[in-house]
Amino acid sequence: MAKPLRQPPPSSSVAGLLDLSSAARAIATQPQQKPSPVNGRTRIQSSPHPETAAHAGETPHVKRQLVLTPSADQAFSSLVNLYQDATGTKLTASHIARAMLRGITHCFDQLERRARKLGVMKLPSNAKGCVLERERFEARIADAFVDGIRASSVINDDTSI
């Protein structure tokens, strides 16, 4: 399970100068993804076919922050541990997250179909009293996600893995 931070991370621009990933993005030759407004919401622009975005030899340098519930953190930690035990290596959460994303890129057409069936939903409040609303909201997205994965074809026919 991840350890909680004892102090909040520095948010100053000086702290950003010390971040290697920020420096790498600043000097990168590829255009970075930028938020663009869509239907009044901010959306990250990406290529229409995510499976073409993954290139062999690509260096990981884009940091993302996730805020997880204790049960989601436990599930993710268990997944990391499962693959650490199975492979006999010291995998990180980043390895597993990248592998999961790589594994679902072939499913995006079905994921999009299932996501559109959800229709417009109201984002629940982050207030303490709205835990059940958030859980129902996320459960609906999870159901659509799993349906999209199930409806997708197999990546390859090699079942010997």
Protein backbone atom coordinates (compact mmCIF):
# COMPACT_ATOMS: atom_id res chain seq x y z
CA MET A 1 0.00 0.00 0.00
CA ALA A 2 1.31 3.47 -0.84
CA LYS A 3 2.57 5.58 2.05
CA PRO A 4 0.76 8.88 2.63
CA LEU A 5 2.84 12.03 2.22
CA ARG A 6 3.98 13.60 5.48
CA GLN A 7 4.30 17.05 3.92
CA PRO A 8 2.53 18.49 0.90
CA PRO A 9 4.77 18.51 -2.19
CA PRO A 10 6.20 21.93 -3.08
CA SER A 11 4.11 23.76 -5.64
CA SER A 12 6.47 26.61 -6.42
CA SER A 13 7.93 27.14 -9.87
CA VAL A 14 11.39 26.58 -8.35
CA ALA A 15 10.34 23.04 -7.36
CA GLY A 16 9.24 22.52 -10.98
CA LEU A 17 12.75 23.41 -12.15
CA LEU A 18 14.12 20.50 -10.15
CA ASP A 19 11.70 18.00 -11.71
CA LEU A 20 13.51 16.03 -14.43
CA SER A 21 10.31 15.09 -16.22
CA SER A 22 9.30 18.77 -16.47
CA ALA A 23 12.69 19.59 -17.95
CA ALA A 24 12.42 16.70 -20.42
CA ARG A 25 8.98 17.90 -21.56
CA ALA A 26 10.26 21.45 -21.91
CA ILE A 27 12.98 20.45 -24.35
CA ALA A 28 11.06 17.67 -26.13
CA THR A 29 10.77 17.98 -29.90
CA GLN A 30 7.35 16.34 -30.03
CA PRO A 31 4.33 18.57 -29.40
CA GLN A 32 2.88 17.94 -25.95
CA GLN A 33 -0.80 17.19 -25.39
CA LYS A 34 -2.67 20.32 -24.41
CA PRO A 35 -6.12 20.64 -22.90
CA SER A 36 -8.81 21.88 -25.25
CA PRO A 37 -12.39 22.83 -24.35
CA VAL A 38 -15.03 20.36 -25.57
CA ASN A 39 -18.69 20.86 -24.68
CA GLY A 40 -17.70 23.24 -21.90
CA ARG A 41 -15.24 20.71 -20.42
CA THR A 42 -11.49 20.47 -20.69
CA ARG A 43 -10.32 17.46 -22.65
CA ILE A 44 -6.80 16.24 -23.35
CA GLN A 45 -6.17 16.08 -27.08
CA SER A 46 -4.85 12.78 -28.33
CA SER A 47 -4.53 10.93 -31.58
CA PRO A 48 -7.78 9.37 -32.81
CA HIS A 49 -6.19 5.91 -32.69
CA PRO A 50 -4.31 5.46 -29.41
CA GLU A 51 -2.70 2.23 -30.57
CA THR A 52 -0.60 4.23 -33.06
CA ALA A 53 0.66 6.50 -30.27
CA ALA A 54 2.79 3.80 -28.60
CA HIS A 55 6.21 3.65 -30.24
CA ALA A 56 8.93 1.12 -29.60
CA GLY A 57 11.74 2.56 -27.54
CA GLU A 58 9.60 5.40 -26.22
CA THR A 59 11.05 6.83 -22.99
CA PRO A 60 8.54 7.22 -20.15
CA HIS A 61 8.59 10.78 -18.82
CA VAL A 62 4.99 11.97 -18.48
CA LYS A 63 3.91 12.03 -14.83
CA ARG A 64 0.27 11.59 -13.84
CA GLN A 65 -1.16 11.87 -10.36
CA LEU A 66 -4.02 9.64 -9.25
CA VAL A 67 -6.06 9.99 -6.11
CA LEU A 68 -7.23 6.55 -5.03
CA THR A 69 -9.50 5.26 -2.32
CA PRO A 70 -7.88 2.82 0.11
CA SER A 71 -9.66 -0.11 -1.59
CA ALA A 72 -8.58 1.02 -5.08
CA ASP A 73 -5.02 1.43 -3.82
CA GLN A 74 -5.14 -2.06 -2.33
CA ALA A 75 -6.43 -3.49 -5.62
CA PHE A 76 -3.70 -1.73 -7.60
CA SER A 77 -0.99 -2.79 -5.13
CA SER A 78 -2.28 -6.39 -5.33
CA LEU A 79 -2.08 -6.23 -9.12
CA VAL A 80 1.50 -4.97 -8.96
CA ASN A 81 2.39 -7.70 -6.44
CA LEU A 82 0.71 -10.35 -8.59
CA TYR A 83 2.91 -9.49 -11.59
CA GLN A 84 6.01 -9.06 -9.41
CA ASP A 85 5.51 -12.60 -8.07
CA ALA A 86 4.65 -14.04 -11.49
CA THR A 87 7.64 -12.47 -13.26
CA GLY A 88 10.13 -12.63 -10.40
CA THR A 89 11.01 -8.96 -10.97
CA LYS A 90 10.66 -5.76 -8.97
CA LEU A 91 8.03 -4.09 -11.13
CA THR A 92 6.75 -0.63 -10.27
CA ALA A 93 3.23 0.74 -10.39
CA SER A 94 4.28 2.63 -13.53
CA HIS A 95 5.23 -0.62 -15.29
CA ILE A 96 1.82 -2.09 -14.54
CA ALA A 97 -0.09 1.07 -15.49
CA ARG A 98 1.73 1.29 -18.84
CA ALA A 99 1.15 -2.43 -19.50
CA MET A 100 -2.56 -2.07 -18.69
CA LEU A 101 -2.91 0.91 -21.00
CA ARG A 102 -1.01 -0.87 -23.74
CA GLY A 103 -3.29 -3.86 -23.27
CA ILE A 104 -6.49 -1.86 -23.75
CA THR A 105 -5.49 0.30 -26.71
CA HIS A 106 -6.92 -2.25 -29.13
CA CYS A 107 -10.28 -1.96 -27.33
CA PHE A 108 -10.85 1.77 -27.81
CA ASP A 109 -13.59 1.41 -30.44
CA GLN A 110 -15.67 -0.79 -28.13
CA LEU A 111 -14.78 1.31 -25.07
CA GLU A 112 -16.04 4.40 -26.87
CA ARG A 113 -19.30 2.67 -27.86
CA ARG A 114 -19.94 1.59 -24.27
CA ALA A 115 -18.97 5.02 -22.89
CA ARG A 116 -21.42 6.76 -25.22
CA LYS A 117 -24.22 4.46 -23.98
CA LEU A 118 -23.70 5.92 -20.49
CA GLY A 119 -25.04 9.23 -21.71
CA VAL A 120 -24.59 12.51 -19.91
CA MET A 121 -23.94 11.99 -16.21
CA LYS A 122 -23.62 14.43 -13.33
CA LEU A 123 -20.21 14.35 -11.65
CA PRO A 124 -20.77 13.75 -7.93
CA SER A 125 -19.41 16.13 -5.33
CA ASN A 126 -16.18 15.32 -3.51
CA ALA A 127 -17.83 16.18 -0.19
CA LYS A 128 -17.65 13.51 2.51
CA GLY A 129 -21.40 12.86 2.44
CA CYS A 130 -21.38 11.93 -1.26
CA VAL A 131 -19.34 8.72 -1.05
CA LEU A 132 -22.18 6.47 -2.25
CA GLU A 133 -22.95 8.75 -5.20
CA ARG A 134 -19.27 8.66 -6.24
CA GLU A 135 -19.18 4.88 -5.88
CA ARG A 136 -22.30 4.46 -8.05
CA PHE A 137 -20.91 6.90 -10.61
CA GLU A 138 -17.57 5.05 -10.81
CA ALA A 139 -19.33 1.66 -10.83
CA ARG A 140 -21.32 2.66 -13.93
CA ILE A 141 -18.10 3.69 -15.67
CA ALA A 142 -16.41 0.46 -14.54
CA ASP A 143 -19.29 -1.63 -15.93
CA ALA A 144 -19.09 0.16 -19.28
CA PHE A 145 -15.31 -0.29 -19.28
CA VAL A 146 -15.50 -4.03 -18.61
CA ASP A 147 -18.26 -4.42 -21.23
CA GLY A 148 -16.04 -2.65 -23.76
CA ILE A 149 -13.08 -4.91 -22.98
CA ARG A 150 -15.25 -8.04 -23.23
CA ALA A 151 -16.73 -6.93 -26.54
CA SER A 152 -13.29 -6.39 -28.10
CA SER A 153 -11.46 -9.00 -30.09
CA VAL A 154 -8.36 -10.73 -28.78
CA ILE A 155 -5.08 -8.87 -29.45
CA ASN A 156 -3.52 -11.91 -31.09
CA ASP A 157 -4.28 -15.57 -31.53
CA ASP A 158 -1.26 -16.80 -29.55
CA THR A 159 -2.80 -18.54 -26.55
CA SER A 160 0.46 -20.12 -25.44
CA ILE A 161 1.26 -17.24 -23.07
